[in-house]
């Protein structure tokens, strides 16, 4: 059986930082990829999360591709729960 990959889009309402990373990223929509591996041979599929990554594009005018950073799901939840700026 193969690993399962899910891609979703999240909305972050205000500028944010990722723990351990100095740069501040703008509010906006970001792509998140979660990879899960199957556990055993059960009658119903059971999966375990292997990794969750967020794609952070380069700022406008900056050349090159963006970066993928591994992030904990709890941190993603925290970022999406931030209230919009007043």
N, C-alpha and C. Protein backbone atom coordinates (compact mmCIF):
# COMPACT_ATOMS: atom_id res chain seq x y z
N UNK A 1 0.84 -1.17 0.00
CA UNK A 1 0.00 0.00 0.00
C UNK A 1 0.89 1.24 0.00
N UNK A 2 0.42 2.30 -0.64
CA UNK A 2 1.21 3.51 -0.80
C UNK A 2 0.81 4.57 0.21
N UNK A 3 1.74 5.52 0.44
CA UNK A 3 1.42 6.65 1.30
C UNK A 3 0.35 7.51 0.64
N UNK A 4 -0.44 8.16 1.46
CA UNK A 4 -1.51 9.04 0.98
C UNK A 4 -1.03 10.48 1.16
N UNK A 5 -1.26 11.31 0.13
CA UNK A 5 -0.88 12.72 0.19
C UNK A 5 -2.14 13.56 -0.02
N UNK A 6 -2.37 14.48 0.91
CA UNK A 6 -3.53 15.37 0.80
C UNK A 6 -3.04 16.81 0.72
N UNK A 7 -3.57 17.55 -0.24
CA UNK A 7 -3.23 18.96 -0.39
C UNK A 7 -4.47 19.79 -0.07
N UNK A 8 -4.28 20.79 0.78
CA UNK A 8 -5.38 21.69 1.13
C UNK A 8 -4.87 23.12 1.09
N UNK A 9 -5.78 24.03 1.15
CA UNK A 9 -5.44 25.44 1.16
C UNK A 9 -5.99 26.02 2.46
N UNK A 10 -5.18 26.83 3.14
CA UNK A 10 -5.64 27.46 4.38
C UNK A 10 -5.55 28.98 4.24
N UNK A 11 -6.35 29.66 5.00
CA UNK A 11 -6.36 31.13 5.02
C UNK A 11 -5.79 31.58 6.35
N UNK A 12 -4.77 32.43 6.29
CA UNK A 12 -4.18 33.01 7.49
C UNK A 12 -4.48 34.50 7.42
N UNK A 13 -5.14 35.03 8.46
CA UNK A 13 -5.70 36.38 8.42
C UNK A 13 -4.76 37.53 8.74
N UNK A 14 -3.57 37.22 9.22
CA UNK A 14 -2.65 38.30 9.55
C UNK A 14 -1.22 37.83 9.33
N UNK A 15 -0.25 38.77 9.24
CA UNK A 15 1.14 38.36 9.09
C UNK A 15 1.54 37.40 10.20
N UNK A 16 2.45 36.48 9.89
CA UNK A 16 2.80 35.44 10.86
C UNK A 16 4.26 35.03 10.72
N UNK A 17 4.74 34.38 11.76
CA UNK A 17 6.07 33.77 11.76
C UNK A 17 5.92 32.29 12.05
N UNK A 18 6.83 31.51 11.50
CA UNK A 18 6.88 30.09 11.80
C UNK A 18 7.96 29.93 12.88
N UNK A 19 7.68 29.18 13.95
CA UNK A 19 8.67 29.00 15.02
C UNK A 19 10.04 28.58 14.46
N UNK A 20 11.07 29.25 14.93
CA UNK A 20 12.43 28.94 14.50
C UNK A 20 12.81 29.62 13.19
N UNK A 21 11.95 30.48 12.66
CA UNK A 21 12.21 31.15 11.39
C UNK A 21 12.04 32.65 11.61
N UNK A 22 13.01 33.45 11.22
CA UNK A 22 13.01 34.88 11.52
C UNK A 22 12.04 35.69 10.66
N UNK A 23 11.80 35.26 9.44
CA UNK A 23 11.02 36.04 8.49
C UNK A 23 9.53 36.10 8.88
N UNK A 24 8.91 37.24 8.60
CA UNK A 24 7.47 37.41 8.79
C UNK A 24 6.81 37.24 7.42
N UNK A 25 5.79 36.39 7.35
CA UNK A 25 5.10 36.12 6.10
C UNK A 25 3.78 36.87 6.10
N UNK A 26 3.33 37.32 4.92
CA UNK A 26 2.09 38.09 4.86
C UNK A 26 0.85 37.22 5.04
N UNK A 27 -0.23 37.85 5.44
CA UNK A 27 -1.52 37.16 5.50
C UNK A 27 -1.88 36.69 4.09
N UNK A 28 -2.66 35.63 4.01
CA UNK A 28 -3.07 35.15 2.69
C UNK A 28 -3.41 33.68 2.70
N UNK A 29 -3.54 33.13 1.51
CA UNK A 29 -3.87 31.73 1.31
C UNK A 29 -2.58 30.95 1.07
N UNK A 30 -2.45 29.82 1.76
CA UNK A 30 -1.24 29.00 1.67
C UNK A 30 -1.60 27.54 1.42
N UNK A 31 -0.77 26.88 0.65
CA UNK A 31 -0.97 25.45 0.36
C UNK A 31 -0.29 24.61 1.43
N UNK A 32 -1.03 23.62 1.93
CA UNK A 32 -0.51 22.70 2.95
C UNK A 32 -0.62 21.28 2.42
N UNK A 33 0.45 20.51 2.58
CA UNK A 33 0.47 19.12 2.13
C UNK A 33 0.70 18.23 3.34
N UNK A 34 -0.13 17.21 3.49
CA UNK A 34 0.01 16.24 4.57
C UNK A 34 0.25 14.86 3.97
N UNK A 35 1.31 14.20 4.40
CA UNK A 35 1.60 12.84 3.95
C UNK A 35 1.30 11.88 5.10
N UNK A 36 0.59 10.80 4.76
CA UNK A 36 0.23 9.79 5.75
C UNK A 36 0.61 8.42 5.23
N UNK A 37 1.03 7.55 6.15
CA UNK A 37 1.37 6.18 5.77
C UNK A 37 0.34 5.22 6.33
N UNK A 38 0.06 4.14 5.58
CA UNK A 38 -0.91 3.17 6.07
C UNK A 38 -0.35 2.38 7.25
N UNK A 39 -1.24 1.98 8.15
CA UNK A 39 -0.84 1.17 9.30
C UNK A 39 -1.45 -0.22 9.15
N UNK A 40 -0.62 -1.21 8.97
CA UNK A 40 -1.07 -2.61 8.95
C UNK A 40 -2.06 -2.96 7.87
N UNK A 41 -2.60 -4.15 7.97
CA UNK A 41 -3.58 -4.67 7.03
C UNK A 41 -4.91 -4.79 7.74
N UNK A 42 -5.62 -3.69 7.87
CA UNK A 42 -6.89 -3.75 8.56
C UNK A 42 -8.04 -3.73 7.55
N UNK A 43 -9.21 -4.08 8.03
CA UNK A 43 -10.39 -4.10 7.16
C UNK A 43 -10.74 -2.69 6.68
N UNK A 44 -10.58 -1.71 7.56
CA UNK A 44 -10.80 -0.33 7.13
C UNK A 44 -9.46 0.39 7.18
N UNK A 45 -9.23 1.26 6.21
CA UNK A 45 -7.91 1.91 6.14
C UNK A 45 -7.64 2.80 7.35
N UNK A 46 -6.43 2.66 7.88
CA UNK A 46 -5.97 3.46 9.00
C UNK A 46 -4.63 4.07 8.59
N UNK A 47 -4.49 5.38 8.80
CA UNK A 47 -3.27 6.07 8.39
C UNK A 47 -2.67 6.84 9.56
N UNK A 48 -1.35 7.01 9.50
CA UNK A 48 -0.60 7.78 10.50
C UNK A 48 0.09 8.92 9.76
N UNK A 49 0.00 10.14 10.32
CA UNK A 49 0.63 11.29 9.69
C UNK A 49 2.15 11.14 9.72
N UNK A 50 2.77 11.36 8.59
CA UNK A 50 4.23 11.30 8.48
C UNK A 50 4.79 12.72 8.53
N UNK A 51 4.17 13.62 7.77
CA UNK A 51 4.64 15.01 7.76
C UNK A 51 3.56 15.94 7.28
N UNK A 52 3.67 17.20 7.69
CA UNK A 52 2.81 18.27 7.21
C UNK A 52 3.72 19.41 6.82
N UNK A 53 3.55 19.90 5.59
CA UNK A 53 4.40 21.00 5.10
C UNK A 53 3.52 22.13 4.60
N UNK A 54 4.05 23.34 4.71
CA UNK A 54 3.38 24.53 4.18
C UNK A 54 4.28 25.12 3.10
N UNK A 55 3.66 25.52 1.99
CA UNK A 55 4.41 26.14 0.90
C UNK A 55 4.39 27.65 1.10
N UNK A 56 5.57 28.25 1.17
CA UNK A 56 5.70 29.69 1.35
C UNK A 56 6.35 30.27 0.10
N UNK A 57 5.55 30.93 -0.76
CA UNK A 57 6.10 31.48 -1.99
C UNK A 57 7.04 32.64 -1.72
N UNK A 58 7.89 32.92 -2.67
CA UNK A 58 8.78 34.07 -2.56
C UNK A 58 7.97 35.36 -2.70
N UNK A 59 8.43 36.44 -2.10
CA UNK A 59 7.72 37.71 -2.24
C UNK A 59 7.72 38.17 -3.70
N UNK A 60 6.73 38.97 -4.12
CA UNK A 60 6.72 39.50 -5.48
C UNK A 60 8.01 40.23 -5.79
N UNK A 61 8.54 40.01 -6.97
CA UNK A 61 9.79 40.65 -7.38
C UNK A 61 11.03 39.86 -7.00
N UNK A 62 10.90 38.86 -6.15
CA UNK A 62 12.02 38.01 -5.75
C UNK A 62 12.02 36.80 -6.68
N UNK A 63 13.16 36.48 -7.25
CA UNK A 63 13.23 35.39 -8.22
C UNK A 63 13.43 34.05 -7.54
N UNK A 64 13.04 33.00 -8.22
CA UNK A 64 13.21 31.65 -7.70
C UNK A 64 11.90 31.07 -7.20
N UNK A 65 12.00 29.84 -6.75
CA UNK A 65 10.83 29.15 -6.22
C UNK A 65 10.68 29.46 -4.74
N UNK A 66 9.51 29.20 -4.22
CA UNK A 66 9.28 29.34 -2.79
C UNK A 66 9.88 28.16 -2.05
N UNK A 67 9.52 28.03 -0.80
CA UNK A 67 10.06 26.96 0.04
C UNK A 67 8.94 26.18 0.71
N UNK A 68 9.22 24.92 0.97
CA UNK A 68 8.32 24.08 1.75
C UNK A 68 8.94 23.94 3.14
N UNK A 69 8.14 24.17 4.17
CA UNK A 69 8.62 24.03 5.54
C UNK A 69 7.74 23.04 6.27
N UNK A 70 8.38 22.12 6.99
CA UNK A 70 7.61 21.17 7.80
C UNK A 70 7.04 21.95 9.00
N UNK A 71 5.78 21.65 9.32
CA UNK A 71 5.10 22.38 10.39
C UNK A 71 4.18 21.41 11.12
N UNK A 72 4.02 21.64 12.40
CA UNK A 72 3.12 20.80 13.20
C UNK A 72 1.67 21.22 12.96
N UNK A 73 0.75 20.26 12.87
CA UNK A 73 -0.66 20.61 12.67
C UNK A 73 -1.19 21.58 13.73
N UNK A 74 -0.74 21.46 14.97
CA UNK A 74 -1.20 22.37 16.02
C UNK A 74 -0.79 23.81 15.71
N UNK A 75 0.37 23.99 15.13
CA UNK A 75 0.83 25.33 14.75
C UNK A 75 -0.03 25.88 13.61
N UNK A 76 -0.40 25.05 12.66
CA UNK A 76 -1.30 25.48 11.58
C UNK A 76 -2.65 25.92 12.15
N UNK A 77 -3.16 25.16 13.09
CA UNK A 77 -4.43 25.51 13.72
C UNK A 77 -4.32 26.86 14.41
N UNK A 78 -3.22 27.07 15.12
CA UNK A 78 -3.00 28.35 15.80
C UNK A 78 -2.98 29.50 14.79
N UNK A 79 -2.27 29.32 13.67
CA UNK A 79 -2.16 30.38 12.67
C UNK A 79 -3.51 30.71 12.04
N UNK A 80 -4.33 29.70 11.79
CA UNK A 80 -5.62 29.96 11.15
C UNK A 80 -6.63 30.55 12.14
N UNK A 81 -6.36 30.43 13.42
CA UNK A 81 -7.28 30.96 14.43
C UNK A 81 -6.94 32.42 14.82
N UNK A 82 -5.84 32.95 14.30
CA UNK A 82 -5.48 34.33 14.64
C UNK A 82 -6.58 35.27 14.14
N UNK A 83 -7.02 36.20 14.96
CA UNK A 83 -8.05 37.13 14.48
C UNK A 83 -7.47 38.09 13.45
N UNK A 84 -8.30 38.58 12.52
CA UNK A 84 -7.80 39.54 11.54
C UNK A 84 -7.37 40.83 12.25
N UNK A 85 -6.45 41.58 11.65
CA UNK A 85 -6.02 42.83 12.28
C UNK A 85 -7.18 43.82 12.35
N UNK A 86 -7.17 44.66 13.34
CA UNK A 86 -8.26 45.64 13.50
C UNK A 86 -8.04 46.86 12.67
